[in-house]
Amino acid sequence: MRKELDAEKIKKVLGYLSLIFSISDLKSSDLIKAASMDFKDYEDAIQSACALRIKADYIVTRNLKDFTKSRVLAVNPPGLFKELGL
């Protein structure tokens, strides 16, 4: 979000999103799992490992190509609305 929004707007957006979605904590087991995953980017692997642990339905991202190896389906923001039937 930092690429497009200032700090104050990010706080507002995160506040609104927390009303709709659960925000998961990162665990050390996610870091260890991510290190063994076949991802080009370690940070993407961390997100995938965390999503897998919490049994997330989706990873919402603008970079779908970075999550082709994820076991949790990655969708872009408009794709999330489509998946939810909205």
N, C-alpha and C. Protein backbone atom coordinates (compact mmCIF):
# COMPACT_ATOMS: atom_id res chain seq x y z
N MET A 1 0.82 -1.19 0.00
CA MET A 1 0.00 0.00 0.00
C MET A 1 0.86 1.26 0.00
N ARG A 2 2.09 1.13 0.50
CA ARG A 2 2.95 2.31 0.57
C ARG A 2 3.26 2.92 -0.78
N LYS A 3 3.14 2.13 -1.83
CA LYS A 3 3.41 2.66 -3.16
C LYS A 3 2.34 3.64 -3.62
N GLU A 4 1.13 3.49 -3.06
CA GLU A 4 0.01 4.30 -3.55
C GLU A 4 -0.65 5.19 -2.51
N LEU A 5 -0.45 4.91 -1.21
CA LEU A 5 -1.14 5.65 -0.16
C LEU A 5 -0.17 6.20 0.87
N ASP A 6 -0.55 7.32 1.50
CA ASP A 6 0.27 7.84 2.59
C ASP A 6 -0.07 7.09 3.88
N ALA A 7 0.73 7.31 4.92
CA ALA A 7 0.60 6.56 6.17
C ALA A 7 -0.79 6.71 6.79
N GLU A 8 -1.37 7.88 6.75
CA GLU A 8 -2.69 8.10 7.35
C GLU A 8 -3.78 7.32 6.62
N LYS A 9 -3.73 7.29 5.30
CA LYS A 9 -4.72 6.53 4.53
C LYS A 9 -4.55 5.03 4.75
N ILE A 10 -3.31 4.58 4.87
CA ILE A 10 -3.06 3.16 5.14
C ILE A 10 -3.69 2.75 6.46
N LYS A 11 -3.56 3.59 7.49
CA LYS A 11 -4.17 3.30 8.79
C LYS A 11 -5.68 3.15 8.66
N LYS A 12 -6.30 4.04 7.89
CA LYS A 12 -7.75 3.97 7.70
C LYS A 12 -8.15 2.69 6.97
N VAL A 13 -7.45 2.38 5.91
CA VAL A 13 -7.76 1.18 5.12
C VAL A 13 -7.61 -0.06 5.98
N LEU A 14 -6.52 -0.16 6.74
CA LEU A 14 -6.31 -1.33 7.59
C LEU A 14 -7.38 -1.42 8.67
N GLY A 15 -7.82 -0.28 9.18
CA GLY A 15 -8.91 -0.28 10.15
C GLY A 15 -10.19 -0.83 9.56
N TYR A 16 -10.51 -0.42 8.34
CA TYR A 16 -11.72 -0.93 7.67
C TYR A 16 -11.59 -2.42 7.36
N LEU A 17 -10.42 -2.82 6.86
CA LEU A 17 -10.23 -4.23 6.52
C LEU A 17 -10.32 -5.13 7.75
N SER A 18 -9.86 -4.62 8.88
CA SER A 18 -9.90 -5.45 10.10
C SER A 18 -11.34 -5.67 10.59
N LEU A 19 -12.27 -4.87 10.11
CA LEU A 19 -13.68 -5.08 10.45
C LEU A 19 -14.27 -6.25 9.66
N ILE A 20 -13.67 -6.54 8.52
CA ILE A 20 -14.19 -7.55 7.60
C ILE A 20 -13.39 -8.86 7.68
N PHE A 21 -12.07 -8.73 7.79
CA PHE A 21 -11.18 -9.89 7.72
C PHE A 21 -10.45 -10.10 9.03
N SER A 22 -10.05 -11.33 9.29
CA SER A 22 -9.16 -11.63 10.41
C SER A 22 -7.74 -11.40 9.95
N ILE A 23 -6.94 -10.81 10.79
CA ILE A 23 -5.54 -10.58 10.48
C ILE A 23 -4.73 -11.56 11.31
N SER A 24 -3.95 -12.38 10.64
CA SER A 24 -3.22 -13.45 11.30
C SER A 24 -1.83 -12.99 11.71
N ASP A 25 -1.37 -13.49 12.85
CA ASP A 25 -0.01 -13.24 13.30
C ASP A 25 0.96 -14.18 12.59
N LEU A 26 2.15 -13.69 12.40
CA LEU A 26 3.21 -14.50 11.82
C LEU A 26 3.86 -15.31 12.93
N LYS A 27 4.16 -16.56 12.65
CA LYS A 27 4.81 -17.43 13.63
C LYS A 27 6.15 -17.89 13.10
N SER A 28 7.02 -18.26 14.00
CA SER A 28 8.34 -18.73 13.59
C SER A 28 8.23 -19.96 12.69
N SER A 29 7.21 -20.78 12.91
CA SER A 29 7.03 -21.97 12.06
C SER A 29 6.75 -21.57 10.61
N ASP A 30 6.12 -20.40 10.40
CA ASP A 30 5.88 -19.91 9.04
C ASP A 30 7.20 -19.59 8.35
N LEU A 31 8.12 -18.99 9.09
CA LEU A 31 9.44 -18.65 8.53
C LEU A 31 10.22 -19.89 8.14
N ILE A 32 10.15 -20.90 8.99
CA ILE A 32 10.85 -22.16 8.72
C ILE A 32 10.23 -22.87 7.52
N LYS A 33 8.91 -22.94 7.49
CA LYS A 33 8.20 -23.57 6.37
C LYS A 33 8.52 -22.84 5.06
N ALA A 34 8.49 -21.51 5.11
CA ALA A 34 8.74 -20.71 3.90
C ALA A 34 10.13 -20.96 3.33
N ALA A 35 11.10 -21.16 4.19
CA ALA A 35 12.47 -21.40 3.74
C ALA A 35 12.59 -22.68 2.92
N SER A 36 11.68 -23.62 3.15
CA SER A 36 11.73 -24.88 2.40
C SER A 36 10.84 -24.89 1.17
N MET A 37 10.12 -23.79 0.95
CA MET A 37 9.20 -23.73 -0.20
C MET A 37 9.95 -23.27 -1.45
N ASP A 38 9.48 -23.71 -2.59
CA ASP A 38 10.12 -23.41 -3.88
C ASP A 38 9.55 -22.11 -4.47
N PHE A 39 9.79 -21.01 -3.78
CA PHE A 39 9.35 -19.69 -4.26
C PHE A 39 10.58 -18.87 -4.63
N LYS A 40 10.45 -17.99 -5.61
CA LYS A 40 11.55 -17.10 -5.96
C LYS A 40 11.77 -16.05 -4.88
N ASP A 41 10.67 -15.60 -4.25
CA ASP A 41 10.74 -14.54 -3.27
C ASP A 41 10.37 -15.09 -1.89
N TYR A 42 11.27 -14.93 -0.93
CA TYR A 42 11.06 -15.47 0.42
C TYR A 42 9.84 -14.83 1.09
N GLU A 43 9.63 -13.54 0.91
CA GLU A 43 8.48 -12.87 1.53
C GLU A 43 7.16 -13.43 1.00
N ASP A 44 7.09 -13.76 -0.28
CA ASP A 44 5.89 -14.38 -0.84
C ASP A 44 5.70 -15.78 -0.24
N ALA A 45 6.80 -16.49 -0.06
CA ALA A 45 6.72 -17.82 0.55
C ALA A 45 6.21 -17.72 1.99
N ILE A 46 6.62 -16.69 2.71
CA ILE A 46 6.13 -16.49 4.08
C ILE A 46 4.62 -16.29 4.07
N GLN A 47 4.13 -15.47 3.16
CA GLN A 47 2.69 -15.24 3.07
C GLN A 47 1.95 -16.54 2.76
N SER A 48 2.50 -17.32 1.85
CA SER A 48 1.87 -18.58 1.48
C SER A 48 1.88 -19.56 2.65
N ALA A 49 3.00 -19.65 3.36
CA ALA A 49 3.10 -20.56 4.50
C ALA A 49 2.12 -20.16 5.60
N CYS A 50 2.00 -18.88 5.86
CA CYS A 50 1.07 -18.40 6.88
C CYS A 50 -0.37 -18.69 6.46
N ALA A 51 -0.69 -18.43 5.20
CA ALA A 51 -2.04 -18.68 4.69
C ALA A 51 -2.38 -20.16 4.78
N LEU A 52 -1.41 -21.00 4.50
CA LEU A 52 -1.62 -22.44 4.59
C LEU A 52 -1.89 -22.86 6.04
N ARG A 53 -1.10 -22.33 6.97
CA ARG A 53 -1.26 -22.68 8.38
C ARG A 53 -2.63 -22.30 8.92
N ILE A 54 -3.12 -21.12 8.55
CA ILE A 54 -4.41 -20.67 9.10
C ILE A 54 -5.59 -21.16 8.28
N LYS A 55 -5.28 -21.94 7.24
CA LYS A 55 -6.32 -22.48 6.35
C LYS A 55 -7.13 -21.35 5.69
N ALA A 56 -6.39 -20.35 5.20
CA ALA A 56 -7.02 -19.23 4.51
C ALA A 56 -7.67 -19.71 3.21
N ASP A 57 -8.73 -19.06 2.83
CA ASP A 57 -9.38 -19.40 1.57
C ASP A 57 -8.62 -18.82 0.38
N TYR A 58 -8.05 -17.63 0.57
CA TYR A 58 -7.37 -16.93 -0.52
C TYR A 58 -6.20 -16.12 0.00
N ILE A 59 -5.26 -15.87 -0.90
CA ILE A 59 -4.25 -14.83 -0.72
C ILE A 59 -4.64 -13.74 -1.70
N VAL A 60 -4.85 -12.53 -1.22
CA VAL A 60 -5.24 -11.43 -2.09
C VAL A 60 -3.98 -10.63 -2.41
N THR A 61 -3.68 -10.52 -3.70
CA THR A 61 -2.46 -9.86 -4.15
C THR A 61 -2.65 -9.30 -5.55
N ARG A 62 -1.86 -8.29 -5.86
CA ARG A 62 -1.87 -7.78 -7.24
C ARG A 62 -0.87 -8.55 -8.10
N ASN A 63 -0.03 -9.36 -7.47
CA ASN A 63 1.01 -10.09 -8.19
C ASN A 63 0.72 -11.59 -8.21
N LEU A 64 -0.27 -11.97 -8.97
CA LEU A 64 -0.67 -13.37 -9.03
C LEU A 64 0.46 -14.29 -9.47
N LYS A 65 1.30 -13.80 -10.37
CA LYS A 65 2.38 -14.64 -10.90
C LYS A 65 3.37 -15.08 -9.82
N ASP A 66 3.44 -14.32 -8.73
CA ASP A 66 4.36 -14.67 -7.64
C ASP A 66 3.84 -15.81 -6.78
N PHE A 67 2.58 -16.20 -6.96
CA PHE A 67 1.97 -17.21 -6.10
C PHE A 67 1.50 -18.44 -6.89
N THR A 68 2.09 -18.68 -8.04
CA THR A 68 1.68 -19.84 -8.84
C THR A 68 1.98 -21.16 -8.12
N LYS A 69 2.95 -21.18 -7.22
CA LYS A 69 3.29 -22.40 -6.49
C LYS A 69 2.61 -22.49 -5.13
N SER A 70 1.78 -21.53 -4.81
CA SER A 70 1.10 -21.51 -3.53
C SER A 70 -0.01 -22.56 -3.50
N ARG A 71 -0.14 -23.23 -2.35
CA ARG A 71 -1.22 -24.21 -2.18
C ARG A 71 -2.53 -23.51 -1.78
N VAL A 72 -2.45 -22.22 -1.45
CA VAL A 72 -3.64 -21.41 -1.19
C VAL A 72 -3.86 -20.54 -2.42
N LEU A 73 -5.06 -20.56 -2.95
CA LEU A 73 -5.38 -19.83 -4.17
C LEU A 73 -5.11 -18.34 -4.01
N ALA A 74 -4.36 -17.77 -4.93
CA ALA A 74 -4.10 -16.33 -4.95
C ALA A 74 -5.06 -15.68 -5.94
N VAL A 75 -5.68 -14.60 -5.51
CA VAL A 75 -6.60 -13.83 -6.36
C VAL A 75 -6.25 -12.36 -6.23
N ASN A 76 -6.54 -11.59 -7.29
CA ASN A 76 -6.35 -10.15 -7.18
C ASN A 76 -7.60 -9.54 -6.54
N PRO A 77 -7.55 -8.27 -6.12
CA PRO A 77 -8.72 -7.69 -5.44
C PRO A 77 -10.03 -7.85 -6.21
N PRO A 78 -10.09 -7.53 -7.51
CA PRO A 78 -11.36 -7.76 -8.21
C PRO A 78 -11.74 -9.24 -8.26
N GLY A 79 -10.73 -10.11 -8.33
CA GLY A 79 -10.99 -11.55 -8.35
C GLY A 79 -11.59 -12.04 -7.05
N LEU A 80 -11.24 -11.39 -5.93
CA LEU A 80 -11.82 -11.77 -4.65
C LEU A 80 -13.32 -11.52 -4.67
N PHE A 81 -13.74 -10.37 -5.19
CA PHE A 81 -15.16 -10.08 -5.26
C PHE A 81 -15.88 -11.10 -6.14
N LYS A 82 -15.22 -11.49 -7.23
CA LYS A 82 -15.82 -12.49 -8.13
C LYS A 82 -15.95 -13.83 -7.41
N GLU A 83 -14.89 -14.24 -6.68
CA GLU A 83 -14.94 -15.50 -5.94
C GLU A 83 -16.04 -15.50 -4.88
N LEU A 84 -16.27 -14.33 -4.29
CA LEU A 84 -17.29 -14.20 -3.24
C LEU A 84 -18.69 -13.99 -3.81
N GLY A 85 -18.79 -13.90 -5.14
CA GLY A 85 -20.10 -13.71 -5.78
C GLY A 85 -20.64 -12.31 -5.63
N LEU A 86 -19.74 -11.34 -5.50
CA LEU A 86 -20.18 -9.94 -5.33
C LEU A 86 -19.98 -9.14 -6.60
